[in-house]
């Protein structure tokens, strides 16, 4: 299981991306745990969108039931529900 960081913001996204890419390379099923996310910005949402698309392009499975209201609000605010949430989540 890949645990998303508490701060999914520009200051922390590079570390998260590096760890996430390693997880994707070594697993066929990637499961996101977003229970710790307290803050997300546009760069964090972009990372989630890119991750969803990349996981699909690698023919891997993503398991993610979005529990974080912060993520839901950030994605919705940017108008990316269809691209991020609706395609990848059971919400």
N, C-alpha and C. Protein backbone atom coordinates (compact mmCIF):
# COMPACT_ATOMS: atom_id res chain seq x y z
N UNK A 1 0.84 -1.17 0.00
CA UNK A 1 0.00 0.00 0.00
C UNK A 1 0.89 1.24 0.00
N UNK A 2 0.51 2.20 -0.84
CA UNK A 2 1.26 3.45 -0.91
C UNK A 2 0.48 4.51 -0.14
N UNK A 3 1.10 5.04 0.91
CA UNK A 3 0.47 6.06 1.74
C UNK A 3 0.85 7.44 1.23
N UNK A 4 -0.15 8.18 0.82
CA UNK A 4 0.08 9.55 0.37
C UNK A 4 0.46 10.41 1.57
N UNK A 5 1.34 11.39 1.36
CA UNK A 5 1.82 12.20 2.49
C UNK A 5 0.75 13.15 3.01
N UNK A 6 0.97 13.64 4.21
CA UNK A 6 0.06 14.60 4.84
C UNK A 6 -0.02 15.88 4.01
N UNK A 7 1.10 16.31 3.49
CA UNK A 7 1.18 17.52 2.67
C UNK A 7 1.45 17.12 1.22
N UNK A 8 0.42 17.11 0.40
CA UNK A 8 0.58 16.79 -1.02
C UNK A 8 0.62 18.12 -1.77
N UNK A 9 1.75 18.82 -1.55
CA UNK A 9 1.93 20.17 -2.08
C UNK A 9 3.26 20.26 -2.82
N UNK A 10 3.46 21.39 -3.47
CA UNK A 10 4.66 21.59 -4.28
C UNK A 10 5.94 21.31 -3.50
N UNK A 11 5.95 21.60 -2.23
CA UNK A 11 7.15 21.40 -1.41
C UNK A 11 7.47 19.93 -1.19
N UNK A 12 6.48 19.05 -1.31
CA UNK A 12 6.67 17.64 -0.99
C UNK A 12 6.43 16.70 -2.16
N UNK A 13 5.98 17.22 -3.28
CA UNK A 13 5.54 16.36 -4.37
C UNK A 13 6.70 15.58 -5.01
N UNK A 14 7.90 16.13 -5.06
CA UNK A 14 9.02 15.41 -5.66
C UNK A 14 9.36 14.13 -4.90
N UNK A 15 9.39 14.21 -3.59
CA UNK A 15 9.66 13.02 -2.79
C UNK A 15 8.56 11.98 -2.97
N UNK A 16 7.33 12.45 -2.99
CA UNK A 16 6.19 11.55 -3.17
C UNK A 16 6.27 10.88 -4.54
N UNK A 17 6.59 11.65 -5.56
CA UNK A 17 6.68 11.12 -6.93
C UNK A 17 7.75 10.03 -7.01
N UNK A 18 8.89 10.27 -6.43
CA UNK A 18 9.98 9.30 -6.46
C UNK A 18 9.56 7.99 -5.80
N UNK A 19 8.95 8.09 -4.65
CA UNK A 19 8.49 6.89 -3.93
C UNK A 19 7.39 6.18 -4.71
N UNK A 20 6.49 6.95 -5.28
CA UNK A 20 5.38 6.37 -6.03
C UNK A 20 5.87 5.65 -7.28
N UNK A 21 6.81 6.22 -7.99
CA UNK A 21 7.35 5.55 -9.18
C UNK A 21 8.01 4.22 -8.83
N UNK A 22 8.71 4.18 -7.71
CA UNK A 22 9.32 2.93 -7.25
C UNK A 22 8.23 1.89 -6.96
N UNK A 23 7.16 2.32 -6.32
CA UNK A 23 6.04 1.42 -6.00
C UNK A 23 5.42 0.87 -7.29
N UNK A 24 5.21 1.73 -8.27
CA UNK A 24 4.60 1.32 -9.53
C UNK A 24 5.49 0.32 -10.26
N UNK A 25 6.80 0.52 -10.22
CA UNK A 25 7.72 -0.39 -10.89
C UNK A 25 7.72 -1.77 -10.26
N UNK A 26 7.50 -1.86 -8.97
CA UNK A 26 7.63 -3.13 -8.26
C UNK A 26 6.32 -3.84 -7.98
N UNK A 27 5.19 -3.20 -8.25
CA UNK A 27 3.90 -3.80 -7.94
C UNK A 27 3.00 -3.82 -9.18
N UNK A 28 2.18 -4.85 -9.29
CA UNK A 28 1.18 -4.89 -10.36
C UNK A 28 -0.13 -4.26 -9.91
N UNK A 29 -0.36 -4.26 -8.61
CA UNK A 29 -1.54 -3.63 -8.03
C UNK A 29 -1.05 -2.55 -7.08
N UNK A 30 -1.46 -1.33 -7.36
CA UNK A 30 -1.06 -0.20 -6.54
C UNK A 30 -2.29 0.25 -5.75
N UNK A 31 -2.13 0.32 -4.45
CA UNK A 31 -3.24 0.74 -3.59
C UNK A 31 -2.83 2.03 -2.88
N UNK A 32 -3.66 3.06 -3.04
CA UNK A 32 -3.42 4.35 -2.41
C UNK A 32 -4.15 4.41 -1.07
N UNK A 33 -3.44 4.92 -0.06
CA UNK A 33 -4.04 5.26 1.23
C UNK A 33 -3.92 6.77 1.37
N UNK A 34 -5.04 7.45 1.33
CA UNK A 34 -5.02 8.92 1.40
C UNK A 34 -5.49 9.45 2.76
N UNK A 35 -5.54 8.59 3.74
CA UNK A 35 -6.10 8.96 5.04
C UNK A 35 -5.29 10.03 5.78
N UNK A 36 -4.03 10.20 5.43
CA UNK A 36 -3.19 11.20 6.10
C UNK A 36 -3.20 12.57 5.44
N UNK A 37 -3.74 12.68 4.22
CA UNK A 37 -3.65 13.93 3.47
C UNK A 37 -4.46 15.03 4.16
N UNK A 38 -3.76 16.09 4.52
CA UNK A 38 -4.39 17.24 5.18
C UNK A 38 -4.38 18.49 4.31
N UNK A 39 -3.50 18.50 3.30
CA UNK A 39 -3.35 19.68 2.44
C UNK A 39 -2.95 19.23 1.04
N UNK A 40 -3.60 19.82 0.04
CA UNK A 40 -3.25 19.52 -1.35
C UNK A 40 -3.33 20.82 -2.13
N UNK A 41 -2.42 20.97 -3.09
CA UNK A 41 -2.48 22.13 -3.98
C UNK A 41 -2.58 21.63 -5.41
N UNK A 42 -2.51 22.55 -6.35
CA UNK A 42 -2.66 22.19 -7.76
C UNK A 42 -1.59 21.20 -8.20
N UNK A 43 -0.37 21.34 -7.73
CA UNK A 43 0.71 20.42 -8.10
C UNK A 43 0.41 19.02 -7.54
N UNK A 44 -0.16 18.95 -6.36
CA UNK A 44 -0.53 17.66 -5.79
C UNK A 44 -1.61 16.98 -6.61
N UNK A 45 -2.60 17.75 -7.04
CA UNK A 45 -3.66 17.19 -7.89
C UNK A 45 -3.07 16.73 -9.22
N UNK A 46 -2.15 17.51 -9.77
CA UNK A 46 -1.49 17.12 -11.02
C UNK A 46 -0.74 15.80 -10.85
N UNK A 47 -0.09 15.63 -9.71
CA UNK A 47 0.61 14.37 -9.45
C UNK A 47 -0.38 13.21 -9.41
N UNK A 48 -1.51 13.40 -8.77
CA UNK A 48 -2.51 12.34 -8.72
C UNK A 48 -3.02 11.99 -10.12
N UNK A 49 -3.32 13.01 -10.92
CA UNK A 49 -3.80 12.78 -12.28
C UNK A 49 -2.75 12.06 -13.12
N UNK A 50 -1.52 12.52 -13.04
CA UNK A 50 -0.43 11.87 -13.79
C UNK A 50 -0.24 10.43 -13.32
N UNK A 51 -0.36 10.21 -12.02
CA UNK A 51 -0.19 8.86 -11.47
C UNK A 51 -1.27 7.92 -11.96
N UNK A 52 -2.52 8.38 -11.92
CA UNK A 52 -3.64 7.57 -12.40
C UNK A 52 -3.41 7.19 -13.86
N UNK A 53 -3.04 8.16 -14.68
CA UNK A 53 -2.81 7.90 -16.10
C UNK A 53 -1.61 6.98 -16.33
N UNK A 54 -0.55 7.19 -15.57
CA UNK A 54 0.65 6.36 -15.73
C UNK A 54 0.38 4.91 -15.31
N UNK A 55 -0.30 4.73 -14.21
CA UNK A 55 -0.62 3.37 -13.75
C UNK A 55 -1.44 2.64 -14.82
N UNK A 56 -2.42 3.33 -15.39
CA UNK A 56 -3.22 2.73 -16.46
C UNK A 56 -2.37 2.41 -17.69
N UNK A 57 -1.46 3.30 -18.04
CA UNK A 57 -0.62 3.08 -19.23
C UNK A 57 0.34 1.91 -19.05
N UNK A 58 0.63 1.57 -17.81
CA UNK A 58 1.51 0.44 -17.52
C UNK A 58 0.73 -0.85 -17.33
N UNK A 59 -0.57 -0.80 -17.63
CA UNK A 59 -1.46 -1.96 -17.49
C UNK A 59 -1.43 -2.53 -16.07
N UNK A 60 -1.41 -1.64 -15.12
CA UNK A 60 -1.43 -2.03 -13.71
C UNK A 60 -2.77 -1.61 -13.12
N UNK A 61 -3.10 -2.18 -12.00
CA UNK A 61 -4.37 -1.90 -11.35
C UNK A 61 -4.19 -0.93 -10.20
N UNK A 62 -5.09 0.04 -10.14
CA UNK A 62 -5.10 1.00 -9.04
C UNK A 62 -6.30 0.73 -8.15
N UNK A 63 -6.04 0.58 -6.87
CA UNK A 63 -7.10 0.46 -5.88
C UNK A 63 -7.02 1.70 -5.01
N UNK A 64 -8.12 2.48 -5.04
CA UNK A 64 -8.12 3.73 -4.28
C UNK A 64 -9.56 4.11 -4.01
N UNK A 65 -9.93 4.07 -2.78
CA UNK A 65 -11.23 4.57 -2.36
C UNK A 65 -10.96 5.88 -1.63
N UNK A 66 -11.19 6.96 -2.33
CA UNK A 66 -10.86 8.28 -1.79
C UNK A 66 -11.64 8.56 -0.52
N UNK A 67 -10.92 8.64 0.57
CA UNK A 67 -11.52 8.96 1.87
C UNK A 67 -11.26 10.42 2.25
N UNK A 68 -10.25 11.01 1.63
CA UNK A 68 -9.82 12.36 1.99
C UNK A 68 -10.75 13.41 1.38
N UNK A 69 -11.43 14.14 2.25
CA UNK A 69 -12.27 15.24 1.78
C UNK A 69 -11.42 16.35 1.17
N UNK A 70 -10.19 16.47 1.63
CA UNK A 70 -9.26 17.48 1.10
C UNK A 70 -8.97 17.18 -0.37
N UNK A 71 -8.71 15.92 -0.69
CA UNK A 71 -8.44 15.55 -2.08
C UNK A 71 -9.70 15.74 -2.93
N UNK A 72 -10.83 15.28 -2.43
CA UNK A 72 -12.08 15.43 -3.18
C UNK A 72 -12.35 16.90 -3.50
N UNK A 73 -12.18 17.77 -2.52
CA UNK A 73 -12.43 19.19 -2.72
C UNK A 73 -11.44 19.80 -3.70
N UNK A 74 -10.16 19.44 -3.58
CA UNK A 74 -9.13 19.99 -4.47
C UNK A 74 -9.33 19.57 -5.91
N UNK A 75 -9.68 18.31 -6.12
CA UNK A 75 -9.92 17.80 -7.47
C UNK A 75 -11.16 18.45 -8.06
N UNK A 76 -12.20 18.55 -7.26
CA UNK A 76 -13.45 19.16 -7.73
C UNK A 76 -13.25 20.63 -8.07
N UNK A 77 -12.51 21.34 -7.24
CA UNK A 77 -12.26 22.77 -7.46
C UNK A 77 -11.58 23.01 -8.81
N UNK A 78 -10.72 22.09 -9.21
CA UNK A 78 -10.00 22.24 -10.48
C UNK A 78 -10.78 21.64 -11.66
N UNK A 79 -11.96 21.08 -11.38
CA UNK A 79 -12.78 20.52 -12.45
C UNK A 79 -12.25 19.22 -13.01
N UNK A 80 -11.53 18.47 -12.20
CA UNK A 80 -10.89 17.23 -12.68
C UNK A 80 -11.54 15.97 -12.12
N UNK A 81 -12.78 16.05 -11.68
CA UNK A 81 -13.45 14.87 -11.14
C UNK A 81 -13.41 13.70 -12.11
N UNK A 82 -13.79 13.95 -13.37
CA UNK A 82 -13.82 12.85 -14.34
C UNK A 82 -12.44 12.26 -14.56
N UNK A 83 -11.44 13.10 -14.66
CA UNK A 83 -10.09 12.63 -14.96
C UNK A 83 -9.45 11.89 -13.79
N UNK A 84 -9.71 12.31 -12.58
CA UNK A 84 -9.05 11.73 -11.42
C UNK A 84 -9.99 10.82 -10.65
N UNK A 85 -11.03 11.37 -10.13
CA UNK A 85 -11.88 10.62 -9.21
C UNK A 85 -12.77 9.58 -9.89
N UNK A 86 -13.55 10.00 -10.86
CA UNK A 86 -14.54 9.10 -11.43
C UNK A 86 -13.93 7.93 -12.18
N UNK A 87 -12.75 8.09 -12.75
CA UNK A 87 -12.12 6.99 -13.48
C UNK A 87 -11.36 6.03 -12.58
N UNK A 88 -10.98 6.48 -11.43
CA UNK A 88 -10.09 5.64 -10.64
C UNK A 88 -10.60 5.28 -9.26
N UNK A 89 -11.68 5.88 -8.84
CA UNK A 89 -12.09 5.69 -7.45
C UNK A 89 -13.46 5.07 -7.32
N UNK A 90 -13.60 4.39 -6.23
CA UNK A 90 -14.92 3.99 -5.75
C UNK A 90 -15.23 4.92 -4.61
N UNK A 91 -15.94 5.99 -4.88
CA UNK A 91 -16.18 6.97 -3.81
C UNK A 91 -17.62 6.93 -3.35
